[in-house]
Amino acid sequence: MNSTIDIDNLIANTIREDVRAGHIYKVPDASGYMKLDAMENPYELPDPLRRELAQRLAEAVLNRYPVASYATLKQKLRAKLGVPAGYDVILGNGSDEIISIVCTAAARQDKRSVVLAPVPAFVMFQRSAQFAGMDFVGVPLKADFSLDRAAMLAAIAEHKPSVVFLAYPNNPTGNLFDADDMVAVIEALGEHGIAVVDEAYQPFARTSFMERLPQYPNMVVMRTLSKLGLAGIRLGYLAAAPLLLEQFDKVRPPYNINVLTQVAAEFALDHVDVLNAQAASLNAARAELDAALRALPGIEVFPSSANFITVRVPDAERTCATLFAEKVLIKNLSKMHELLANCIRVTVSTPEENAVFLNALKASLDA
């Protein structure tokens, strides 16, 4: 007997209106293209380390759940990546899950809950706030992408946010906000809000708020191993005061990090010097690429402390189309925010790939 259920009515009756009105976060297939759109590390592990990692992965116990405490992995993260003594971390499936955990824990059901962030910002701040049932308030950056301190403080006073996200460096602009401005935001929140400092690009910025955790109990620091060179294993982590971390851990799904990710991350942290050397090479390449871009006429290059550079070109649509035809993927930022009009973002890569990008960009500017 055929069902008489109308699927459209089913969705209308069961799925939230804002979800129905939203869009899927689509990641296009990049097969056959030079991928300079996702801030990935272009370097693989050296062959001897890849063989050693393969052996460790082969020995992973796949028929059992992971050790729920992830004690060994967390110990290595604390020891290798500068977490202050007395502070622990929780783990997530990349930064995305960490952001979702924070929003879920802070989404009050007895009153309006607000997430606030300077914009343009990482898109998952707003999406995760929405999916947790929170309101999102974006405070525009200044024209040079610096933090508008006065506007941020005014927005905090008006909206009383439960969570403020501060990316350090910021994505998609690449710059570091002034540290004193960030401290002013953290202090303005006091006991009424949590400041989340997102340090996804810390391996390239070489500066951090992590050591300030003991000074500000309302601040947490979030990072990921993706930009360090391990985007494929999807591992993020968050450090916070122990009592606050405990609250976040209550909404973290059990066994949220799989065994293969755990083994690969532990192995990588045993050889973190190799990954740090790769980051240093990319920083040097960033300086060279920045200088080459600034020598081109008719474009504006914004300072970056990350592994990408944001550039304003005469026509972002044409530039991206020209590069796409040359099998080079970059990110068109134009539609993200009015401050990003005609801006593109390019990942810093190997000297060879950077040269290909520069040649294609020059062709687009001459067209």
Protein backbone atom coordinates (compact mmCIF):
# COMPACT_ATOMS: atom_id res chain seq x y z
CA MET A 1 0.00 0.00 0.00
CA ASN A 2 1.43 3.37 -1.03
CA SER A 3 1.83 6.02 1.65
CA THR A 4 -0.38 9.11 1.43
CA ILE A 5 2.13 11.28 3.24
CA ASP A 6 3.09 14.45 1.37
CA ILE A 7 6.84 14.98 1.90
CA ASP A 8 6.52 18.78 1.61
CA ASN A 9 3.91 18.83 4.36
CA LEU A 10 6.05 16.52 6.48
CA ILE A 11 9.01 18.91 6.22
CA ALA A 12 6.83 21.96 6.89
CA ASN A 13 5.38 20.31 10.00
CA THR A 14 8.64 19.04 11.47
CA ILE A 15 11.65 21.10 10.34
CA ARG A 16 12.39 24.53 11.81
CA GLU A 17 11.47 27.46 9.58
CA ASP A 18 14.95 29.02 9.68
CA VAL A 19 16.49 25.70 8.67
CA ARG A 20 14.04 25.30 5.79
CA ALA A 21 14.91 28.82 4.63
CA GLY A 22 18.65 28.22 4.87
CA HIS A 23 21.18 26.70 2.53
CA ILE A 24 23.50 23.71 2.69
CA TYR A 25 27.15 24.61 3.24
CA LYS A 26 28.47 23.21 -0.03
CA VAL A 27 32.11 22.46 -0.67
CA PRO A 28 32.71 22.14 -4.44
CA ASP A 29 34.69 19.28 -5.93
CA ALA A 30 38.26 20.45 -6.49
CA SER A 31 39.50 17.47 -8.48
CA GLY A 32 41.98 18.56 -11.13
CA TYR A 33 42.40 22.07 -9.72
CA MET A 34 45.20 23.79 -7.86
CA LYS A 35 43.53 24.35 -4.52
CA LEU A 36 44.28 27.77 -3.06
CA ASP A 37 40.86 28.43 -1.56
CA ALA A 38 40.78 26.58 1.77
CA MET A 39 43.92 27.59 3.72
CA GLU A 40 45.42 24.11 3.68
CA ASN A 41 49.08 23.28 4.24
CA PRO A 42 50.39 22.12 0.83
CA TYR A 43 53.16 19.99 2.33
CA GLU A 44 52.78 16.33 3.22
CA LEU A 45 54.76 14.56 5.91
CA PRO A 46 58.20 13.30 4.85
CA ASP A 47 58.15 9.73 3.52
CA PRO A 48 59.81 8.13 6.57
CA LEU A 49 57.19 9.67 8.85
CA ARG A 50 54.37 8.64 6.51
CA ARG A 51 55.55 5.04 6.67
CA GLU A 52 55.76 5.18 10.46
CA LEU A 53 52.29 6.72 10.67
CA ALA A 54 50.93 4.00 8.39
CA GLN A 55 52.22 1.39 10.80
CA ARG A 56 50.61 3.10 13.79
CA LEU A 57 47.30 3.39 11.96
CA ALA A 58 47.47 -0.28 11.01
CA GLU A 59 47.75 -1.14 14.70
CA ALA A 60 44.74 0.97 15.69
CA VAL A 61 41.94 -0.98 17.38
CA LEU A 62 38.96 -0.32 15.14
CA ASN A 63 36.49 -2.75 16.68
CA ARG A 64 36.37 -0.88 19.99
CA TYR A 65 35.27 2.62 20.89
CA PRO A 66 38.03 5.15 21.56
CA VAL A 67 39.18 5.64 25.14
CA ALA A 68 36.52 8.14 26.17
CA SER A 69 38.84 10.40 28.15
CA TYR A 70 41.30 10.85 25.25
CA ALA A 71 43.84 11.26 28.06
CA THR A 72 47.01 10.60 26.03
CA LEU A 73 46.04 12.90 23.18
CA LYS A 74 45.01 15.70 25.52
CA GLN A 75 48.24 15.35 27.49
CA LYS A 76 50.26 15.74 24.30
CA LEU A 77 48.23 18.78 23.25
CA ARG A 78 48.80 20.44 26.62
CA ALA A 79 52.50 19.68 26.62
CA LYS A 80 53.29 20.53 23.00
CA LEU A 81 51.00 23.47 22.26
CA GLY A 82 51.39 25.76 25.24
CA VAL A 83 48.29 25.15 27.35
CA PRO A 84 48.94 26.71 30.80
CA ALA A 85 49.55 24.46 33.80
CA GLY A 86 46.32 23.52 35.52
CA TYR A 87 44.25 23.91 32.36
CA ASP A 88 42.81 21.10 30.27
CA VAL A 89 41.23 20.87 26.83
CA ILE A 90 38.18 19.34 25.23
CA LEU A 91 38.33 17.97 21.71
CA GLY A 92 36.09 18.46 18.71
CA ASN A 93 35.69 17.32 15.13
CA GLY A 94 37.54 20.37 13.86
CA SER A 95 36.81 23.91 15.01
CA ASP A 96 33.27 23.58 13.69
CA GLU A 97 32.21 21.16 16.41
CA ILE A 98 33.95 23.20 19.11
CA ILE A 99 31.99 26.29 18.02
CA SER A 100 28.77 24.26 18.06
CA ILE A 101 29.55 22.93 21.55
CA VAL A 102 30.08 26.46 22.91
CA CYS A 103 26.85 27.74 21.36
CA THR A 104 24.83 24.74 22.52
CA ALA A 105 26.05 25.13 26.09
CA ALA A 106 25.34 28.89 26.14
CA ALA A 107 21.93 28.85 24.43
CA ARG A 108 19.62 29.78 27.30
CA GLN A 109 15.99 28.67 27.05
CA ASP A 110 14.71 31.11 29.67
CA LYS A 111 15.79 34.31 27.90
CA ARG A 112 17.15 35.69 24.65
CA SER A 113 20.67 34.41 24.02
CA VAL A 114 23.04 36.32 21.79
CA VAL A 115 26.27 35.50 20.00
CA LEU A 116 28.25 38.57 18.96
CA ALA A 117 31.26 38.83 16.66
CA PRO A 118 33.01 41.42 14.54
CA VAL A 119 32.16 40.97 10.87
CA PRO A 120 33.21 39.86 8.35
CA ALA A 121 34.08 36.74 10.31
CA PHE A 122 34.25 32.95 10.05
CA VAL A 123 30.85 31.89 8.75
CA MET A 124 30.41 29.11 11.33
CA PHE A 125 30.08 31.63 14.17
CA GLN A 126 26.74 32.76 12.78
CA ARG A 127 25.58 29.36 11.52
CA SER A 128 26.29 27.63 14.83
CA ALA A 129 24.54 30.40 16.76
CA GLN A 130 21.49 30.02 14.54
CA PHE A 131 21.35 26.25 14.83
CA ALA A 132 21.63 26.50 18.61
CA GLY A 133 18.62 28.85 18.62
CA MET A 134 20.63 31.97 19.46
CA ASP A 135 20.53 35.41 17.87
CA PHE A 136 23.65 36.55 16.03
CA VAL A 137 24.80 40.17 16.12
CA GLY A 138 27.59 41.22 13.79
CA VAL A 139 29.58 44.38 14.49
CA PRO A 140 31.31 45.70 11.35
CA LEU A 141 35.06 46.08 11.36
CA LYS A 142 36.64 49.35 10.34
CA ALA A 143 37.51 49.86 6.66
CA ASP A 144 41.07 48.64 7.30
CA PHE A 145 39.63 45.50 8.95
CA SER A 146 40.71 46.54 12.44
CA LEU A 147 38.42 45.98 15.40
CA ASP A 148 35.99 48.82 16.07
CA ARG A 149 36.47 48.94 19.82
CA ALA A 150 33.83 51.56 20.55
CA ALA A 151 31.22 49.78 18.44
CA MET A 152 32.01 46.42 20.04
CA LEU A 153 31.67 47.84 23.56
CA ALA A 154 28.42 49.57 22.64
CA ALA A 155 27.03 46.33 21.17
CA ILE A 156 27.99 44.40 24.30
CA ALA A 157 26.20 46.98 26.48
CA GLU A 158 23.10 46.85 24.27
CA HIS A 159 22.79 43.11 23.51
CA LYS A 160 24.46 41.55 26.57
CA PRO A 161 25.82 38.59 24.59
CA SER A 162 26.43 35.22 26.18
CA VAL A 163 29.27 34.56 23.73
CA VAL A 164 31.63 36.82 21.77
CA PHE A 165 33.84 35.26 19.11
CA LEU A 166 37.16 36.97 18.34
CA ALA A 167 39.28 35.34 15.64
CA TYR A 168 42.99 36.00 16.15
CA PRO A 169 44.05 36.31 13.29
CA ASN A 170 40.70 36.97 11.69
CA ASN A 171 39.27 34.94 8.83
CA PRO A 172 38.66 36.06 6.07
CA THR A 173 40.72 39.24 6.49
CA GLY A 174 43.96 37.71 7.82
CA ASN A 175 44.87 40.47 10.27
CA LEU A 176 45.50 40.38 14.00
CA PHE A 177 43.18 42.60 16.03
CA ASP A 178 44.85 44.99 18.46
CA ALA A 179 45.45 43.04 21.68
CA ASP A 180 44.38 45.95 23.90
CA ASP A 181 41.09 46.20 22.01
CA MET A 182 40.50 42.50 22.57
CA VAL A 183 41.24 42.82 26.28
CA ALA A 184 38.74 45.67 26.48
CA VAL A 185 36.07 43.40 24.98
CA ILE A 186 36.91 40.53 27.33
CA GLU A 187 36.81 42.80 30.37
CA ALA A 188 33.53 44.40 29.25
CA LEU A 189 31.88 40.98 29.23
CA GLY A 190 32.79 40.36 32.86
CA GLU A 191 30.71 37.62 34.46
CA HIS A 192 27.92 37.94 31.87
CA GLY A 193 29.61 36.62 28.74
CA ILE A 194 32.27 34.24 27.42
CA ALA A 195 34.95 35.49 25.04
CA VAL A 196 36.05 32.80 22.59
CA VAL A 197 39.44 33.59 21.06
CA ASP A 198 39.69 31.55 17.86
CA GLU A 199 43.36 30.90 17.14
CA ALA A 200 43.01 28.61 14.14
CA TYR A 201 45.93 30.36 12.43
CA GLN A 202 48.21 30.59 15.46
CA PRO A 203 50.95 28.46 13.82
CA PHE A 204 51.49 31.37 11.41
CA ALA A 205 50.73 34.32 13.68
CA ARG A 206 53.17 33.14 16.36
CA THR A 207 51.27 35.08 19.00
CA SER A 208 48.52 33.92 21.30
CA PHE A 209 46.12 34.66 24.12
CA MET A 210 46.58 31.13 25.47
CA GLU A 211 49.01 32.24 28.18
CA ARG A 212 46.45 34.82 29.38
CA LEU A 213 43.86 32.21 30.34
CA PRO A 214 44.62 32.51 34.08
CA GLN A 215 44.01 36.28 33.89
CA TYR A 216 40.55 36.03 32.35
CA PRO A 217 38.29 33.24 33.63
CA ASN A 218 35.60 34.31 31.11
CA MET A 219 37.94 33.74 28.14
CA VAL A 220 38.46 30.44 26.31
CA VAL A 221 40.96 29.73 23.55
CA MET A 222 40.03 27.56 20.58
CA ARG A 223 42.46 26.09 18.08
CA THR A 224 42.62 23.45 15.38
CA LEU A 225 45.28 21.16 13.95
CA SER A 226 43.89 21.75 10.44
CA LYS A 227 46.05 24.75 9.58
CA LEU A 228 49.12 23.18 11.15
CA GLY A 229 49.00 20.59 8.36
CA LEU A 230 46.39 18.08 9.48
CA ALA A 231 43.18 19.32 7.85
CA GLY A 232 42.25 15.78 6.86
CA ILE A 233 41.98 14.40 10.40
CA ARG A 234 39.56 17.09 11.65
CA LEU A 235 40.72 17.84 15.18
CA GLY A 236 39.97 21.01 17.11
CA TYR A 237 40.49 21.75 20.79
CA LEU A 238 39.42 24.31 23.35
CA ALA A 239 41.17 25.34 26.57
CA ALA A 240 39.36 27.05 29.44
CA ALA A 241 39.16 27.39 33.20
CA PRO A 242 38.43 23.90 34.61
CA LEU A 243 34.93 24.64 35.90
CA LEU A 244 33.90 26.31 32.63
CA LEU A 245 35.44 23.53 30.56
CA GLU A 246 33.36 21.03 32.54
CA GLN A 247 30.17 22.74 31.35
CA PHE A 248 31.20 22.51 27.71
CA ASP A 249 32.15 18.87 28.17
CA LYS A 250 28.58 18.10 29.23
CA VAL A 251 27.27 18.78 25.72
CA ARG A 252 30.18 17.21 23.85
CA PRO A 253 29.07 13.97 22.19
CA PRO A 254 30.81 10.92 23.68
CA TYR A 255 33.44 9.35 21.42
CA ASN A 256 33.34 12.41 19.14
CA ILE A 257 36.96 11.85 18.04
CA ASN A 258 37.53 8.63 16.14
CA VAL A 259 40.42 6.26 16.74
CA LEU A 260 42.22 7.02 13.47
CA THR A 261 42.15 10.75 14.18
CA GLN A 262 43.40 10.10 17.70
CA VAL A 263 46.33 7.96 16.51
CA ALA A 264 47.26 10.36 13.71
CA ALA A 265 47.13 13.40 16.00
CA GLU A 266 49.25 11.76 18.69
CA PHE A 267 51.80 10.78 16.06
CA ALA A 268 51.87 14.28 14.58
CA LEU A 269 52.36 15.86 17.99
CA ASP A 270 55.34 13.57 18.53
CA HIS A 271 56.81 15.22 15.41
CA VAL A 272 55.38 18.71 15.79
CA ASP A 273 58.77 20.20 14.95
CA VAL A 274 58.28 19.04 11.35
CA LEU A 275 54.90 20.77 11.16
CA ASN A 276 56.30 23.93 12.75
CA ALA A 277 59.08 23.98 10.16
CA GLN A 278 56.48 23.76 7.41
CA ALA A 279 54.60 26.67 8.96
CA ALA A 280 57.83 28.69 9.03
CA SER A 281 58.36 27.96 5.34
CA LEU A 282 54.84 29.15 4.57
CA ASN A 283 55.42 32.34 6.57
CA ALA A 284 58.49 33.03 4.43
CA ALA A 285 56.47 32.29 1.30
CA ARG A 286 53.73 34.63 2.55
CA ALA A 287 56.22 37.49 2.77
CA GLU A 288 57.43 36.82 -0.78
CA LEU A 289 53.90 36.54 -2.15
CA ASP A 290 52.84 39.70 -0.34
CA ALA A 291 55.74 41.63 -1.88
CA ALA A 292 54.98 40.30 -5.36
CA LEU A 293 51.31 41.24 -5.04
CA ARG A 294 52.11 44.75 -3.86
CA ALA A 295 54.20 45.24 -7.00
CA LEU A 296 51.12 44.73 -9.19
CA PRO A 297 49.21 47.84 -10.24
CA GLY A 298 45.58 48.47 -9.41
CA ILE A 299 45.15 46.13 -6.45
CA GLU A 300 45.11 46.53 -2.67
CA VAL A 301 46.88 43.97 -0.48
CA PHE A 302 45.85 43.65 3.16
CA PRO A 303 48.38 42.63 5.85
CA SER A 304 48.08 39.00 6.94
CA SER A 305 49.31 37.01 9.92
CA ALA A 306 47.70 33.80 8.64
CA ASN A 307 48.50 31.39 5.81
CA PHE A 308 46.43 33.35 3.31
CA ILE A 309 46.33 36.85 1.87
CA THR A 310 43.27 38.96 1.13
CA VAL A 311 43.49 41.21 -1.92
CA ARG A 312 41.12 43.77 -3.44
CA VAL A 313 41.11 43.62 -7.24
CA PRO A 314 39.23 45.73 -9.81
CA ASP A 315 36.74 42.94 -10.58
CA ALA A 316 36.66 39.91 -8.29
CA GLU A 317 34.20 37.98 -10.46
CA ARG A 318 36.40 38.32 -13.53
CA THR A 319 39.55 37.50 -11.60
CA CYS A 320 38.07 34.34 -10.10
CA ALA A 321 36.64 33.25 -13.47
CA THR A 322 40.01 33.76 -15.17
CA LEU A 323 41.83 31.77 -12.52
CA PHE A 324 39.17 29.06 -12.57
CA ALA A 325 39.74 28.67 -16.31
CA GLU A 326 43.42 28.16 -15.52
CA LYS A 327 42.47 25.44 -12.98
CA VAL A 328 43.34 27.65 -9.99
CA LEU A 329 40.83 27.86 -7.15
CA ILE A 330 40.75 30.93 -4.93
CA LYS A 331 37.97 32.38 -2.76
CA ASN A 332 35.74 35.20 -3.94
CA LEU A 333 34.89 37.15 -0.78
CA SER A 334 32.81 39.84 -2.47
CA LYS A 335 29.41 38.52 -1.40
CA MET A 336 30.34 37.90 2.23
CA HIS A 337 30.18 41.50 3.41
CA GLU A 338 30.18 44.99 1.94
CA LEU A 339 33.61 45.64 3.46
CA LEU A 340 34.94 42.87 1.21
CA ALA A 341 33.78 44.39 -2.09
CA ASN A 342 35.93 42.97 -4.93
CA CYS A 343 38.13 41.09 -2.46
CA ILE A 344 39.64 37.69 -3.11
CA ARG A 345 41.49 35.38 -0.71
CA VAL A 346 44.38 33.16 -1.72
CA THR A 347 46.06 30.46 0.33
CA VAL A 348 49.84 30.75 0.60
CA SER A 349 51.31 27.61 -0.96
CA THR A 350 54.54 26.26 -2.39
CA PRO A 351 56.78 28.56 -4.45
CA GLU A 352 55.68 26.73 -7.58
CA GLU A 353 51.96 27.10 -6.90
CA ASN A 354 52.37 30.70 -5.77
CA ALA A 355 54.07 31.46 -9.11
CA VAL A 356 51.22 29.85 -11.04
CA PHE A 357 48.72 31.94 -9.09
CA LEU A 358 50.66 35.17 -9.68
CA ASN A 359 50.85 34.56 -13.42
CA ALA A 360 47.14 33.81 -13.63
CA LEU A 361 46.31 36.87 -11.53
CA LYS A 362 48.42 39.09 -13.78
CA ALA A 363 46.56 37.70 -16.80
CA SER A 364 43.22 38.50 -15.18
CA LEU A 365 44.31 42.06 -14.47
CA ASP A 366 45.51 42.56 -18.05
CA ALA A 367 42.33 41.12 -19.58
